[in-house]
């Protein structure tokens, strides 16, 4: 964690055992600083999404604790699938969290349109999800997470199902959003390249049960663009992270 940034959330020796006896997380500890972009990286099934759901309060830890040093933060969650309501227009989909919170409809509509503008979908507010591409649906999902103005944005492999060109574009857009809005982001991915491109820190996890194997800083400056993606520095960071991941999973270093 950035020593200058106070922790927004801390996980202390968190464990998670499911009802079927599966131990998903064991002594998982992590501090995330206010305003940081942190990625959780590891193989499928290592507990990345479980850790994210515990932070979100969607799942309770079996051991350990989640602490909010400055008080509970307002959260936004972006799932692996956009999960948009097909019968509702994009603006109504984005407005849903505010509707559920009984926010005044005029204010909610204005907030939804503002969030859509943030993700470049301002012109598609009155379209239906079926009229959007896969990348646009994910943008709408991100707008829905942003509409409540969360302090902490939790993202569970949101771009994994997209083609590489769309994924690169959304990575760029996400970084611009993060810099503009100054939210804290915890991002789950199984892509070394994506984690290096996006993150200030990468937490490499062991296979199940998930533990922190390495916490790697990526000190490359922002904004990041294609020059960084094709640079020797990027390749070097990717090599360092790949080697750590290989050691974490029992492969050759």
Protein backbone atom coordinates (compact mmCIF):
# COMPACT_ATOMS: atom_id res chain seq x y z
CA UNK A 1 0.00 0.00 0.00
CA UNK A 2 1.11 3.55 -0.68
CA UNK A 3 2.53 4.70 2.65
CA UNK A 4 1.05 8.16 2.08
CA UNK A 5 -2.49 6.88 1.51
CA UNK A 6 -4.59 5.93 4.55
CA UNK A 7 -6.25 2.54 4.22
CA UNK A 8 -9.83 2.62 3.00
CA UNK A 9 -10.25 -1.11 3.72
CA UNK A 10 -8.15 -3.76 5.46
CA UNK A 11 -8.55 -7.53 5.47
CA UNK A 12 -6.96 -9.20 8.49
CA UNK A 13 -6.22 -12.95 8.26
CA UNK A 14 -9.47 -13.56 6.42
CA UNK A 15 -10.52 -17.15 5.85
CA UNK A 16 -13.49 -18.50 3.94
CA UNK A 17 -14.80 -22.05 4.10
CA UNK A 18 -17.92 -22.83 2.08
CA UNK A 19 -20.71 -25.07 3.30
CA UNK A 20 -19.37 -27.96 1.19
CA UNK A 21 -16.07 -27.80 3.10
CA UNK A 22 -14.07 -26.03 0.39
CA UNK A 23 -11.43 -23.73 1.90
CA UNK A 24 -11.33 -20.79 -0.53
CA UNK A 25 -9.25 -18.28 1.45
CA UNK A 26 -6.80 -18.82 4.29
CA UNK A 27 -5.12 -16.06 6.33
CA UNK A 28 -5.66 -13.54 3.53
CA UNK A 29 -4.47 -10.09 4.59
CA UNK A 30 -4.55 -6.93 2.50
CA UNK A 31 -4.57 -3.17 3.02
CA UNK A 32 -5.90 -0.97 0.20
CA UNK A 33 -5.11 2.72 0.35
CA UNK A 34 -7.58 5.48 -0.42
CA UNK A 35 -7.37 6.28 -4.14
CA UNK A 36 -5.27 3.24 -5.05
CA UNK A 37 -5.73 0.95 -8.05
CA UNK A 38 -5.00 -2.59 -6.84
CA UNK A 39 -5.37 -5.80 -8.83
CA UNK A 40 -5.87 -9.30 -7.42
CA UNK A 41 -4.12 -11.73 -9.76
CA UNK A 42 -4.17 -15.49 -9.65
CA UNK A 43 -5.36 -18.67 -11.35
CA UNK A 44 -9.03 -19.55 -11.66
CA UNK A 45 -10.47 -20.78 -8.37
CA UNK A 46 -7.84 -19.13 -6.16
CA UNK A 47 -10.37 -17.04 -4.24
CA UNK A 48 -10.01 -13.67 -5.99
CA UNK A 49 -13.74 -13.21 -6.50
CA UNK A 50 -14.45 -14.58 -3.01
CA UNK A 51 -12.18 -11.93 -1.49
CA UNK A 52 -13.96 -9.24 -3.52
CA UNK A 53 -17.39 -10.46 -2.41
CA UNK A 54 -16.25 -10.41 1.23
CA UNK A 55 -15.11 -6.79 0.86
CA UNK A 56 -18.50 -6.00 -0.70
CA UNK A 57 -20.36 -7.63 2.16
CA UNK A 58 -21.92 -10.16 -0.21
CA UNK A 59 -20.24 -13.01 1.66
CA UNK A 60 -19.18 -13.27 5.30
CA UNK A 61 -15.66 -14.40 6.24
CA UNK A 62 -15.37 -17.64 8.19
CA UNK A 63 -12.32 -16.28 10.02
CA UNK A 64 -10.54 -12.97 10.37
CA UNK A 65 -12.10 -9.56 9.82
CA UNK A 66 -12.67 -6.76 7.35
CA UNK A 67 -11.96 -3.29 8.78
CA UNK A 68 -12.89 0.16 7.49
CA UNK A 69 -10.43 2.50 9.23
CA UNK A 70 -12.24 5.69 8.15
CA UNK A 71 -15.73 4.20 8.41
CA UNK A 72 -17.67 2.09 5.95
CA UNK A 73 -17.14 3.23 2.37
CA UNK A 74 -19.83 3.52 -0.26
CA UNK A 75 -19.29 0.67 -2.73
CA UNK A 76 -19.89 0.01 -6.41
CA UNK A 77 -19.61 -3.50 -7.86
CA UNK A 78 -19.02 -4.48 -11.49
CA UNK A 79 -19.63 -8.18 -12.12
CA UNK A 80 -18.15 -10.45 -14.79
CA UNK A 81 -21.35 -10.17 -16.82
CA UNK A 82 -23.19 -6.88 -17.43
CA UNK A 83 -26.48 -8.32 -16.02
CA UNK A 84 -28.60 -5.61 -17.63
CA UNK A 85 -32.38 -5.85 -17.63
CA UNK A 86 -33.22 -6.57 -21.30
CA UNK A 87 -36.70 -5.00 -21.10
CA UNK A 88 -35.40 -1.66 -19.77
CA UNK A 89 -33.56 1.07 -21.63
CA UNK A 90 -29.93 1.81 -20.79
CA UNK A 91 -30.74 4.89 -18.72
CA UNK A 92 -33.25 2.93 -16.64
CA UNK A 93 -30.71 0.16 -16.09
CA UNK A 94 -28.13 2.64 -14.84
CA UNK A 95 -30.71 4.41 -12.66
CA UNK A 96 -31.78 1.17 -10.92
CA UNK A 97 -29.57 1.49 -7.77
CA UNK A 98 -30.95 4.98 -7.17
CA UNK A 99 -34.52 3.81 -7.75
CA UNK A 100 -33.99 1.05 -5.18
CA UNK A 101 -32.66 3.69 -2.78
CA UNK A 102 -35.82 5.79 -3.38
CA UNK A 103 -33.86 8.74 -4.76
CA UNK A 104 -36.02 11.45 -6.34
CA UNK A 105 -36.65 10.43 -9.96
CA UNK A 106 -35.51 13.73 -11.46
CA UNK A 107 -32.24 13.59 -9.53
CA UNK A 108 -31.81 9.91 -10.37
CA UNK A 109 -32.25 10.51 -14.10
CA UNK A 110 -29.73 13.34 -14.02
CA UNK A 111 -27.24 11.15 -12.15
CA UNK A 112 -27.75 8.27 -14.60
CA UNK A 113 -27.14 10.51 -17.60
CA UNK A 114 -24.02 11.92 -15.94
CA UNK A 115 -22.70 8.40 -15.29
CA UNK A 116 -23.42 7.42 -18.91
CA UNK A 117 -21.50 10.47 -20.09
CA UNK A 118 -18.55 9.38 -17.95
CA UNK A 119 -18.37 6.05 -19.80
CA UNK A 120 -19.03 7.47 -23.27
CA UNK A 121 -22.62 6.24 -23.60
CA UNK A 122 -24.46 9.53 -23.32
CA UNK A 123 -25.95 9.08 -26.80
CA UNK A 124 -27.26 5.59 -25.99
CA UNK A 125 -29.39 6.35 -22.92
CA UNK A 126 -32.64 5.46 -24.70
CA UNK A 127 -31.35 2.31 -26.40
CA UNK A 128 -32.10 -1.22 -25.20
CA UNK A 129 -29.26 -3.55 -24.12
CA UNK A 130 -29.85 -5.74 -27.22
CA UNK A 131 -28.81 -2.75 -29.34
CA UNK A 132 -25.40 -2.50 -27.66
CA UNK A 133 -22.14 -4.31 -28.35
CA UNK A 134 -20.50 -6.40 -25.63
CA UNK A 135 -18.13 -3.58 -24.76
CA UNK A 136 -20.97 -1.06 -24.60
CA UNK A 137 -22.97 -3.33 -22.28
CA UNK A 138 -19.99 -3.45 -19.94
CA UNK A 139 -19.70 0.34 -20.08
CA UNK A 140 -23.36 0.52 -19.04
CA UNK A 141 -22.62 -1.85 -16.16
CA UNK A 142 -19.74 0.38 -15.05
CA UNK A 143 -22.03 3.43 -15.28
CA UNK A 144 -24.56 1.65 -13.06
CA UNK A 145 -21.81 1.03 -10.49
CA UNK A 146 -20.72 4.68 -10.65
CA UNK A 147 -24.18 6.22 -10.42
CA UNK A 148 -24.19 6.15 -6.62
CA UNK A 149 -20.79 7.90 -6.57
CA UNK A 150 -18.99 5.11 -4.71
CA UNK A 151 -15.72 5.66 -2.89
CA UNK A 152 -14.58 2.09 -3.63
CA UNK A 153 -15.17 0.38 -6.97
CA UNK A 154 -14.95 -3.42 -6.97
CA UNK A 155 -14.48 -5.02 -10.40
CA UNK A 156 -14.66 -8.79 -10.89
CA UNK A 157 -12.96 -9.66 -14.21
CA UNK A 158 -15.24 -7.24 -16.08
CA UNK A 159 -13.41 -7.47 -19.41
CA UNK A 160 -12.54 -11.18 -19.48
CA UNK A 161 -15.17 -12.12 -22.09
CA UNK A 162 -14.34 -9.30 -24.51
CA UNK A 163 -12.11 -9.41 -27.57
CA UNK A 164 -8.60 -8.04 -27.16
CA UNK A 165 -9.17 -4.78 -29.07
CA UNK A 166 -12.26 -3.93 -27.02
CA UNK A 167 -10.50 -4.95 -23.83
CA UNK A 168 -7.54 -2.66 -24.53
CA UNK A 169 -9.91 0.24 -25.23
CA UNK A 170 -11.86 -0.34 -22.02
CA UNK A 171 -8.62 -0.62 -20.04
CA UNK A 172 -7.66 2.84 -21.34
CA UNK A 173 -11.10 4.24 -20.58
CA UNK A 174 -11.09 2.77 -17.08
CA UNK A 175 -7.77 4.43 -16.27
CA UNK A 176 -9.07 7.77 -17.51
CA UNK A 177 -12.17 7.36 -15.34
CA UNK A 178 -10.09 6.40 -12.32
CA UNK A 179 -7.86 9.44 -12.73
CA UNK A 180 -10.79 11.79 -13.34
CA UNK A 181 -13.00 10.55 -10.49
CA UNK A 182 -10.27 9.56 -8.02
CA UNK A 183 -12.03 6.48 -6.73
CA UNK A 184 -10.32 3.48 -5.13
CA UNK A 185 -10.39 0.39 -7.36
CA UNK A 186 -9.90 -3.29 -6.51
CA UNK A 187 -9.76 -5.15 -9.81
CA UNK A 188 -9.85 -8.95 -10.18
CA UNK A 189 -8.13 -10.46 -13.22
CA UNK A 190 -6.26 -13.54 -14.36
CA UNK A 191 -4.32 -11.55 -16.99
CA UNK A 192 -0.75 -10.55 -16.14
CA UNK A 193 -0.74 -8.00 -18.97
CA UNK A 194 -3.99 -6.36 -17.89
CA UNK A 195 -2.92 -6.17 -14.25
CA UNK A 196 0.41 -4.55 -15.12
CA UNK A 197 -1.18 -2.04 -17.47
CA UNK A 198 -3.82 -0.90 -15.01
CA UNK A 199 -2.42 -1.18 -11.53
CA UNK A 200 -0.32 0.62 -9.00
CA UNK A 201 -0.05 -2.64 -7.07
CA UNK A 202 -0.61 -6.28 -7.99
CA UNK A 203 -1.44 -8.81 -5.30
CA UNK A 204 -0.43 -12.27 -6.57
CA UNK A 205 -2.44 -15.04 -4.96
CA UNK A 206 -1.71 -18.71 -4.42
CA UNK A 207 -3.99 -21.46 -5.74
CA UNK A 208 -6.83 -22.45 -3.41
CA UNK A 209 -6.80 -21.76 -0.57
CA UNK A 210 -6.00 -18.22 -1.63
CA UNK A 211 -3.26 -16.40 0.25
CA UNK A 212 -1.16 -13.37 -0.64
CA UNK A 213 2.01 -14.70 -2.27
CA UNK A 214 3.48 -11.38 -3.45
CA UNK A 215 2.55 -7.71 -3.40
CA UNK A 216 4.24 -6.05 -6.38
CA UNK A 217 4.38 -2.30 -7.02
CA UNK A 218 4.10 -1.05 -10.61
CA UNK A 219 5.70 2.41 -10.35
CA UNK A 220 5.13 3.41 -14.00
CA UNK A 221 3.61 6.91 -14.16
CA UNK A 222 0.10 7.74 -15.31
CA UNK A 223 -1.45 8.44 -17.71
CA UNK A 224 -0.54 5.16 -19.40
CA UNK A 225 -1.09 4.57 -23.09
CA UNK A 226 0.07 2.39 -25.96
CA UNK A 227 3.62 3.66 -25.59
CA UNK A 228 3.71 2.10 -22.14
CA UNK A 229 2.07 -1.09 -23.39
CA UNK A 230 4.85 -1.56 -25.96
CA UNK A 231 7.73 -0.35 -23.76
CA UNK A 232 10.63 -2.27 -22.28
CA UNK A 233 9.44 -1.22 -18.81
CA UNK A 234 6.05 -2.85 -19.40
CA UNK A 235 7.72 -6.06 -20.59
CA UNK A 236 9.95 -6.04 -17.52
CA UNK A 237 7.06 -5.61 -15.11
CA UNK A 238 5.15 -8.39 -16.89
CA UNK A 239 8.15 -10.68 -16.55
CA UNK A 240 8.45 -9.93 -12.81
CA UNK A 241 4.75 -10.56 -12.22
CA UNK A 242 4.74 -13.69 -14.41
CA UNK A 243 7.66 -15.12 -12.46
CA UNK A 244 5.90 -14.44 -9.16
CA UNK A 245 2.72 -16.06 -10.46
CA UNK A 246 4.69 -19.11 -11.61
CA UNK A 247 6.26 -19.46 -8.15
CA UNK A 248 2.88 -18.98 -6.48
CA UNK A 249 1.35 -21.78 -8.53
CA UNK A 250 4.32 -24.11 -8.10
CA UNK A 251 5.75 -23.62 -11.61
CA UNK A 252 9.29 -22.83 -12.59
CA UNK A 253 10.59 -19.37 -11.78
